[in-house]
Amino acid sequence: MPKLKFTIISLFREAIEPYLNASMMWKAKEKGIVEFEFINLREFGLGAHKSVDDTPYGGGDGMLLRCEPVFAAIETVKEKDPSAKVILPTLVGEVWNQEMAKKFSKTSAENPQHYIILCPHYEGYDERILSLVDYKISLGKYILTGGELPALIMIDSIVRLLPGVLGGETSAEIESFSDGDNLEYPQYTKPADFRGMKVPDVLLSGNHGKIAEWRKANSKKSPY
């Protein structure tokens, strides 16, 4: 088993899979660092139409995910791996940040991690589903159509921190939010002069001490 595994429970696998088959996520998968598994919630739906939702008690607009298909899907995964932890993207959760991504990326050969991400849809979910959830995660104070985008954001921010995924050994150590609320210093590449906009002389000097001082002085604090 890879160091890290994600089982994604969703009604819309086609919205997730292309991203995970590209760029760094594809690289991590090909190198055996991470594994992605998909479960179609519809397969656990009820009746001839494989229904997964129903109207809320007490009235109101929209539809809610029902308990039965969600419980069945998660329990199917847990039968094979009881240690798997369940993540739910939800507005009532802890707001996702870089420190949390680091925490979720801490794995080892002796302690591989398996996360089940349930992607809610429709108006929401039956509150009893929370009894299955280990981590309630919010992406911020805004509403999305479903949990697929939050799932991708969490996966990307975690996987890119795993050793062997990014190109440089320190790539993830010197970027924004790598040290609390820091923002990364400005960076430049060729040409040194583009339409009159010049790269700072210190970066062309070859003086690594001065460059380090400049970078430290030009790092910013996040306004959030």
C-alpha atoms as a PDB file:
ATOM      1  CA  MET A   1       0.000   0.000   0.000  1.00  0.00           C
ATOM      2  CA  PRO A   2       1.269   3.527  -0.773  1.00  0.00           C
ATOM      3  CA  LYS A   3       2.071   5.875   2.079  1.00  0.00           C
ATOM      4  CA  LEU A   4      -1.193   7.714   1.481  1.00  0.00           C
ATOM      5  CA  LYS A   5      -4.547   6.610   0.088  1.00  0.00           C
ATOM      6  CA  PHE A   6      -7.680   8.587  -0.663  1.00  0.00           C
ATOM      7  CA  THR A   7     -11.038   6.940  -1.209  1.00  0.00           C
ATOM      8  CA  ILE A   8     -13.392   9.504  -2.716  1.00  0.00           C
ATOM      9  CA  ILE A   9     -17.126   8.897  -2.402  1.00  0.00           C
ATOM     10  CA  SER A  10     -18.954  11.004  -4.942  1.00  0.00           C
ATOM     11  CA  LEU A  11     -21.820  11.093  -7.394  1.00  0.00           C
ATOM     12  CA  PHE A  12     -19.585  12.806  -9.951  1.00  0.00           C
ATOM     13  CA  ARG A  13     -16.307  10.944 -10.384  1.00  0.00           C
ATOM     14  CA  GLU A  14     -15.918  12.560 -13.806  1.00  0.00           C
ATOM     15  CA  ALA A  15     -15.544  15.950 -12.113  1.00  0.00           C
ATOM     16  CA  ILE A  16     -12.589  14.764 -10.039  1.00  0.00           C
ATOM     17  CA  GLU A  17     -10.628  12.164 -11.958  1.00  0.00           C
ATOM     18  CA  PRO A  18      -9.142  14.337 -14.753  1.00  0.00           C
ATOM     19  CA  TYR A  19      -7.364  16.578 -12.250  1.00  0.00           C
ATOM     20  CA  LEU A  20      -5.923  13.630 -10.345  1.00  0.00           C
ATOM     21  CA  ASN A  21      -4.617  12.202 -13.618  1.00  0.00           C
ATOM     22  CA  ALA A  22      -2.581  15.312 -14.416  1.00  0.00           C
ATOM     23  CA  SER A  23       0.570  17.091 -13.291  1.00  0.00           C
ATOM     24  CA  MET A  24       1.854  16.424  -9.775  1.00  0.00           C
ATOM     25  CA  MET A  25      -1.100  14.279  -8.725  1.00  0.00           C
ATOM     26  CA  TRP A  26      -0.428  11.944 -11.653  1.00  0.00           C
ATOM     27  CA  LYS A  27       3.292  11.943 -10.819  1.00  0.00           C
ATOM     28  CA  ALA A  28       2.613  11.010  -7.203  1.00  0.00           C
ATOM     29  CA  LYS A  29       0.297   8.204  -8.285  1.00  0.00           C
ATOM     30  CA  GLU A  30       2.739   6.856 -10.889  1.00  0.00           C
ATOM     31  CA  LYS A  31       5.557   6.827  -8.330  1.00  0.00           C
ATOM     32  CA  GLY A  32       3.431   4.835  -5.912  1.00  0.00           C
ATOM     33  CA  ILE A  33       3.403   7.615  -3.344  1.00  0.00           C
ATOM     34  CA  VAL A  34      -0.372   7.960  -3.276  1.00  0.00           C
ATOM     35  CA  GLU A  35      -3.392   5.929  -4.357  1.00  0.00           C
ATOM     36  CA  PHE A  36      -6.770   7.274  -5.446  1.00  0.00           C
ATOM     37  CA  GLU A  37      -9.884   5.134  -5.220  1.00  0.00           C
ATOM     38  CA  PHE A  38     -13.362   6.167  -6.349  1.00  0.00           C
ATOM     39  CA  ILE A  39     -16.715   4.972  -5.068  1.00  0.00           C
ATOM     40  CA  ASN A  40     -19.944   5.938  -6.794  1.00  0.00           C
ATOM     41  CA  LEU A  41     -22.477   6.752  -4.086  1.00  0.00           C
ATOM     42  CA  ARG A  42     -25.262   5.932  -6.554  1.00  0.00           C
ATOM     43  CA  GLU A  43     -24.295   2.253  -6.355  1.00  0.00           C
ATOM     44  CA  PHE A  44     -25.621   2.274  -2.792  1.00  0.00           C
ATOM     45  CA  GLY A  45     -28.837   4.100  -3.671  1.00  0.00           C
ATOM     46  CA  LEU A  46     -32.281   2.876  -2.733  1.00  0.00           C
ATOM     47  CA  GLY A  47     -34.963   1.367  -4.933  1.00  0.00           C
ATOM     48  CA  ALA A  48     -35.161   0.942  -8.664  1.00  0.00           C
ATOM     49  CA  HIS A  49     -33.887   4.467  -9.278  1.00  0.00           C
ATOM     50  CA  LYS A  50     -30.957   4.167  -6.845  1.00  0.00           C
ATOM     51  CA  SER A  51     -32.126   7.206  -4.905  1.00  0.00           C
ATOM     52  CA  VAL A  52     -29.578   8.811  -2.566  1.00  0.00           C
ATOM     53  CA  ASP A  53     -31.537  11.883  -1.423  1.00  0.00           C
ATOM     54  CA  ASP A  54     -34.927  12.970  -0.096  1.00  0.00           C
ATOM     55  CA  THR A  55     -36.806  16.045   1.122  1.00  0.00           C
ATOM     56  CA  PRO A  56     -36.018  17.412   4.603  1.00  0.00           C
ATOM     57  CA  TYR A  57     -38.319  16.820   7.560  1.00  0.00           C
ATOM     58  CA  GLY A  58     -39.981  20.050   8.594  1.00  0.00           C
ATOM     59  CA  GLY A  59     -40.100  21.353   5.044  1.00  0.00           C
ATOM     60  CA  GLY A  60     -37.759  23.572   3.090  1.00  0.00           C
ATOM     61  CA  ASP A  61     -36.198  23.757  -0.330  1.00  0.00           C
ATOM     62  CA  GLY A  62     -33.701  21.298  -1.723  1.00  0.00           C
ATOM     63  CA  MET A  63     -32.838  17.686  -1.081  1.00  0.00           C
ATOM     64  CA  LEU A  64     -30.616  16.045   1.537  1.00  0.00           C
ATOM     65  CA  LEU A  65     -28.327  13.054   1.204  1.00  0.00           C
ATOM     66  CA  ARG A  66     -29.900  10.107   2.989  1.00  0.00           C
ATOM     67  CA  CYS A  67     -28.190   8.125   5.715  1.00  0.00           C
ATOM     68  CA  GLU A  68     -28.578   4.669   4.179  1.00  0.00           C
ATOM     69  CA  PRO A  69     -26.420   5.029   1.039  1.00  0.00           C
ATOM     70  CA  VAL A  70     -23.753   7.092   2.808  1.00  0.00           C
ATOM     71  CA  PHE A  71     -23.442   4.675   5.718  1.00  0.00           C
ATOM     72  CA  ALA A  72     -23.337   1.696   3.343  1.00  0.00           C
ATOM     73  CA  ALA A  73     -20.621   3.251   1.165  1.00  0.00           C
ATOM     74  CA  ILE A  74     -18.384   4.200   4.086  1.00  0.00           C
ATOM     75  CA  GLU A  75     -18.903   0.894   5.859  1.00  0.00           C
ATOM     76  CA  THR A  76     -17.891  -0.954   2.695  1.00  0.00           C
ATOM     77  CA  VAL A  77     -14.530   0.835   2.793  1.00  0.00           C
ATOM     78  CA  LYS A  78     -14.147   0.379   6.528  1.00  0.00           C
ATOM     79  CA  GLU A  79     -14.701  -3.375   6.229  1.00  0.00           C
ATOM     80  CA  LYS A  80     -11.418  -3.562   4.307  1.00  0.00           C
ATOM     81  CA  ASP A  81      -9.589  -0.907   6.329  1.00  0.00           C
ATOM     82  CA  PRO A  82     -11.093  -0.124   9.750  1.00  0.00           C
ATOM     83  CA  SER A  83      -8.378   2.471  10.380  1.00  0.00           C
ATOM     84  CA  ALA A  84      -9.502   4.708   7.493  1.00  0.00           C
ATOM     85  CA  LYS A  85     -10.553   8.188   8.619  1.00  0.00           C
ATOM     86  CA  VAL A  86     -13.550  10.022   7.168  1.00  0.00           C
ATOM     87  CA  ILE A  87     -13.317  13.630   5.964  1.00  0.00           C
ATOM     88  CA  LEU A  88     -16.413  15.688   5.191  1.00  0.00           C
ATOM     89  CA  PRO A  89     -16.243  19.064   3.425  1.00  0.00           C
ATOM     90  CA  THR A  90     -18.815  21.147   5.318  1.00  0.00           C
ATOM     91  CA  LEU A  91     -19.418  24.744   6.340  1.00  0.00           C
ATOM     92  CA  VAL A  92     -19.491  23.758  10.011  1.00  0.00           C
ATOM     93  CA  GLY A  93     -15.949  22.407   9.900  1.00  0.00           C
ATOM     94  CA  GLU A  94     -12.516  23.744  10.790  1.00  0.00           C
ATOM     95  CA  VAL A  95     -11.179  26.107   8.128  1.00  0.00           C
ATOM     96  CA  TRP A  96      -8.513  24.407   6.012  1.00  0.00           C
ATOM     97  CA  ASN A  97      -4.999  25.870   6.095  1.00  0.00           C
ATOM     98  CA  GLN A  98      -1.386  24.946   5.389  1.00  0.00           C
ATOM     99  CA  GLU A  99      -0.730  23.645   8.889  1.00  0.00           C
ATOM    100  CA  MET A 100      -3.582  21.193   8.514  1.00  0.00           C
ATOM    101  CA  ALA A 101      -2.250  20.082   5.132  1.00  0.00           C
ATOM    102  CA  LYS A 102       1.108  19.374   6.779  1.00  0.00           C
ATOM    103  CA  LYS A 103      -0.581  17.379   9.518  1.00  0.00           C
ATOM    104  CA  PHE A 104      -2.475  15.227   7.030  1.00  0.00           C
ATOM    105  CA  SER A 105       0.682  14.652   4.948  1.00  0.00           C
ATOM    106  CA  LYS A 106       2.671  13.144   7.844  1.00  0.00           C
ATOM    107  CA  THR A 107       2.863   9.487   6.862  1.00  0.00           C
ATOM    108  CA  SER A 108       5.468   6.740   6.893  1.00  0.00           C
ATOM    109  CA  ALA A 109       5.946   3.204   5.672  1.00  0.00           C
ATOM    110  CA  GLU A 110       5.158   2.021   9.200  1.00  0.00           C
ATOM    111  CA  ASN A 111       2.091   4.235   9.495  1.00  0.00           C
ATOM    112  CA  PRO A 112       0.364   4.632   6.110  1.00  0.00           C
ATOM    113  CA  GLN A 113      -2.728   6.826   6.106  1.00  0.00           C
ATOM    114  CA  HIS A 114      -6.076   6.203   4.445  1.00  0.00           C
ATOM    115  CA  TYR A 115      -8.627   8.986   4.163  1.00  0.00           C
ATOM    116  CA  ILE A 116     -12.209   8.628   2.963  1.00  0.00           C
ATOM    117  CA  ILE A 117     -13.565  11.880   1.554  1.00  0.00           C
ATOM    118  CA  LEU A 118     -17.343  12.085   1.297  1.00  0.00           C
ATOM    119  CA  CYS A 119     -18.440  14.649  -1.278  1.00  0.00           C
ATOM    120  CA  PRO A 120     -21.872  15.976  -0.277  1.00  0.00           C
ATOM    121  CA  HIS A 121     -24.279  17.342  -2.848  1.00  0.00           C
ATOM    122  CA  TYR A 122     -27.737  18.830  -3.207  1.00  0.00           C
ATOM    123  CA  GLU A 123     -28.872  21.046  -0.299  1.00  0.00           C
ATOM    124  CA  GLY A 124     -26.818  19.130   2.238  1.00  0.00           C
ATOM    125  CA  TYR A 125     -26.847  15.919   4.218  1.00  0.00           C
ATOM    126  CA  ASP A 126     -28.775  14.231   6.997  1.00  0.00           C
ATOM    127  CA  GLU A 127     -27.183  15.387  10.270  1.00  0.00           C
ATOM    128  CA  ARG A 128     -26.788  11.784  11.447  1.00  0.00           C
ATOM    129  CA  ILE A 129     -24.091  11.269   8.820  1.00  0.00           C
ATOM    130  CA  LEU A 130     -21.767  13.341  11.031  1.00  0.00           C
ATOM    131  CA  SER A 131     -21.577  10.392  13.428  1.00  0.00           C
ATOM    132  CA  LEU A 132     -19.303   8.719  10.856  1.00  0.00           C
ATOM    133  CA  VAL A 133     -17.032  11.720  10.323  1.00  0.00           C
ATOM    134  CA  ASP A 134     -13.569  12.120  11.875  1.00  0.00           C
ATOM    135  CA  TYR A 135     -12.685  15.473  10.309  1.00  0.00           C
ATOM    136  CA  LYS A 136     -15.142  18.225   9.381  1.00  0.00           C
ATOM    137  CA  ILE A 137     -13.380  20.646   7.007  1.00  0.00           C
ATOM    138  CA  SER A 138     -14.488  24.013   5.653  1.00  0.00           C
ATOM    139  CA  LEU A 139     -12.884  25.805   2.713  1.00  0.00           C
ATOM    140  CA  GLY A 140     -14.302  29.168   3.735  1.00  0.00           C
ATOM    141  CA  LYS A 141     -17.449  31.249   4.014  1.00  0.00           C
ATOM    142  CA  TYR A 142     -18.961  30.531   0.620  1.00  0.00           C
ATOM    143  CA  ILE A 143     -21.206  27.881  -0.932  1.00  0.00           C
ATOM    144  CA  LEU A 144     -20.286  25.388  -3.640  1.00  0.00           C
ATOM    145  CA  THR A 145     -22.499  22.998  -5.579  1.00  0.00           C
ATOM    146  CA  GLY A 146     -20.851  19.920  -4.118  1.00  0.00           C
ATOM    147  CA  GLY A 147     -17.880  18.542  -2.231  1.00  0.00           C
ATOM    148  CA  GLU A 148     -15.797  17.636  -5.277  1.00  0.00           C
ATOM    149  CA  LEU A 149     -13.818  20.892  -5.480  1.00  0.00           C
ATOM    150  CA  PRO A 150     -13.054  20.949  -1.730  1.00  0.00           C
ATOM    151  CA  ALA A 151     -11.925  17.322  -2.016  1.00  0.00           C
ATOM    152  CA  LEU A 152      -9.503  18.220  -4.813  1.00  0.00           C
ATOM    153  CA  ILE A 153      -8.167  21.234  -2.929  1.00  0.00           C
ATOM    154  CA  MET A 154      -7.481  19.182   0.178  1.00  0.00           C
ATOM    155  CA  ILE A 155      -5.914  16.318  -1.768  1.00  0.00           C
ATOM    156  CA  ASP A 156      -3.661  18.616  -3.801  1.00  0.00           C
ATOM    157  CA  SER A 157      -2.465  20.574  -0.773  1.00  0.00           C
ATOM    158  CA  ILE A 158      -1.649  17.331   1.066  1.00  0.00           C
ATOM    159  CA  VAL A 159      -0.084  15.278  -1.737  1.00  0.00           C
ATOM    160  CA  ARG A 160       2.266  18.030  -2.922  1.00  0.00           C
ATOM    161  CA  LEU A 161       3.921  17.981   0.524  1.00  0.00           C
ATOM    162  CA  LEU A 162       4.821  14.284   0.327  1.00  0.00           C
ATOM    163  CA  PRO A 163       8.534  13.558  -0.274  1.00  0.00           C
ATOM    164  CA  GLY A 164       9.248  12.866  -3.920  1.00  0.00           C
ATOM    165  CA  VAL A 165       6.292  14.763  -5.391  1.00  0.00           C
ATOM    166  CA  LEU A 166       7.714  18.263  -5.960  1.00  0.00           C
ATOM    167  CA  GLY A 167      10.934  18.731  -7.870  1.00  0.00           C
ATOM    168  CA  GLY A 168      13.224  20.384  -5.303  1.00  0.00           C
ATOM    169  CA  GLU A 169      13.941  19.014  -1.849  1.00  0.00           C
ATOM    170  CA  THR A 170      13.017  22.342  -0.231  1.00  0.00           C
ATOM    171  CA  SER A 171      10.274  23.385  -2.649  1.00  0.00           C
ATOM    172  CA  ALA A 172       7.554  23.062  -0.027  1.00  0.00           C
ATOM    173  CA  GLU A 173       9.643  24.640   2.720  1.00  0.00           C
ATOM    174  CA  ILE A 174      10.189  28.099   1.270  1.00  0.00           C
ATOM    175  CA  GLU A 175       6.773  28.853  -0.161  1.00  0.00           C
ATOM    176  CA  SER A 176       3.892  30.893   1.200  1.00  0.00           C
ATOM    177  CA  PHE A 177       2.440  29.754   4.547  1.00  0.00           C
ATOM    178  CA  SER A 178       5.367  27.367   5.104  1.00  0.00           C
ATOM    179  CA  ASP A 179       6.102  29.288   8.318  1.00  0.00           C
ATOM    180  CA  GLY A 180       2.856  30.463   9.859  1.00  0.00           C
ATOM    181  CA  ASP A 181       1.278  33.330   7.919  1.00  0.00           C
ATOM    182  CA  ASN A 182       4.252  34.228   5.764  1.00  0.00           C
ATOM    183  CA  LEU A 183       3.886  35.048   2.082  1.00  0.00           C
ATOM    184  CA  GLU A 184       6.708  34.066  -0.247  1.00  0.00           C
ATOM    185  CA  TYR A 185       9.134  36.729  -1.476  1.00  0.00           C
ATOM    186  CA  PRO A 186       8.867  37.994  -5.088  1.00  0.00           C
ATOM    187  CA  GLN A 187      10.592  35.812  -7.663  1.00  0.00           C
ATOM    188  CA  TYR A 188      11.883  36.444 -11.176  1.00  0.00           C
ATOM    189  CA  THR A 189      13.277  34.535 -14.147  1.00  0.00           C
ATOM    190  CA  LYS A 190      14.734  35.489 -17.552  1.00  0.00           C
ATOM    191  CA  PRO A 191      14.850  38.021 -19.109  1.00  0.00           C
ATOM    192  CA  ALA A 192      16.472  40.392 -16.610  1.00  0.00           C
ATOM    193  CA  ASP A 193      14.810  43.370 -18.311  1.00  0.00           C
ATOM    194  CA  PHE A 194      11.314  42.975 -19.755  1.00  0.00           C
ATOM    195  CA  ARG A 195       9.700  46.088 -21.209  1.00  0.00           C
ATOM    196  CA  GLY A 196      11.624  48.249 -18.807  1.00  0.00           C
ATOM    197  CA  MET A 197      10.684  46.170 -15.765  1.00  0.00           C
ATOM    198  CA  LYS A 198      14.016  45.037 -14.304  1.00  0.00           C
ATOM    199  CA  VAL A 199      14.931  42.239 -11.951  1.00  0.00           C
ATOM    200  CA  PRO A 200      16.389  43.692  -8.702  1.00  0.00           C
ATOM    201  CA  ASP A 201      20.172  43.974  -8.999  1.00  0.00           C
ATOM    202  CA  VAL A 202      20.790  41.994  -5.816  1.00  0.00           C
ATOM    203  CA  LEU A 203      19.282  38.868  -7.388  1.00  0.00           C
ATOM    204  CA  LEU A 204      21.802  39.119 -10.233  1.00  0.00           C
ATOM    205  CA  SER A 205      24.763  39.711  -7.934  1.00  0.00           C
ATOM    206  CA  GLY A 206      25.601  36.122  -7.019  1.00  0.00           C
ATOM    207  CA  ASN A 207      25.970  37.221  -3.386  1.00  0.00           C
ATOM    208  CA  HIS A 208      23.905  34.583  -1.603  1.00  0.00           C
ATOM    209  CA  GLY A 209      24.067  36.355   1.745  1.00  0.00           C
ATOM    210  CA  LYS A 210      22.680  39.576   0.294  1.00  0.00           C
ATOM    211  CA  ILE A 211      20.071  37.612  -1.659  1.00  0.00           C
ATOM    212  CA  ALA A 212      18.924  35.877   1.535  1.00  0.00           C
ATOM    213  CA  GLU A 213      18.644  39.246   3.282  1.00  0.00           C
ATOM    214  CA  TRP A 214      16.652  40.693   0.380  1.00  0.00           C
ATOM    215  CA  ARG A 215      14.278  37.738   0.335  1.00  0.00           C
ATOM    216  CA  LYS A 216      13.686  37.942   4.067  1.00  0.00           C
ATOM    217  CA  ALA A 217      13.063  41.673   3.885  1.00  0.00           C
ATOM    218  CA  ASN A 218      10.635  41.245   0.995  1.00  0.00           C
ATOM    219  CA  SER A 219       8.605  38.385   2.450  1.00  0.00           C
ATOM    220  CA  LYS A 220       5.215  39.546   3.603  1.00  0.00           C
ATOM    221  CA  LYS A 221       2.698  38.638   6.226  1.00  0.00           C
ATOM    222  CA  SER A 222      -0.663  37.327   5.151  1.00  0.00           C
ATOM    223  CA  PRO A 223      -3.501  39.837   5.627  1.00  0.00           C
ATOM    224  CA  TYR A 224      -5.818  36.991   6.681  1.00  0.00           C
END
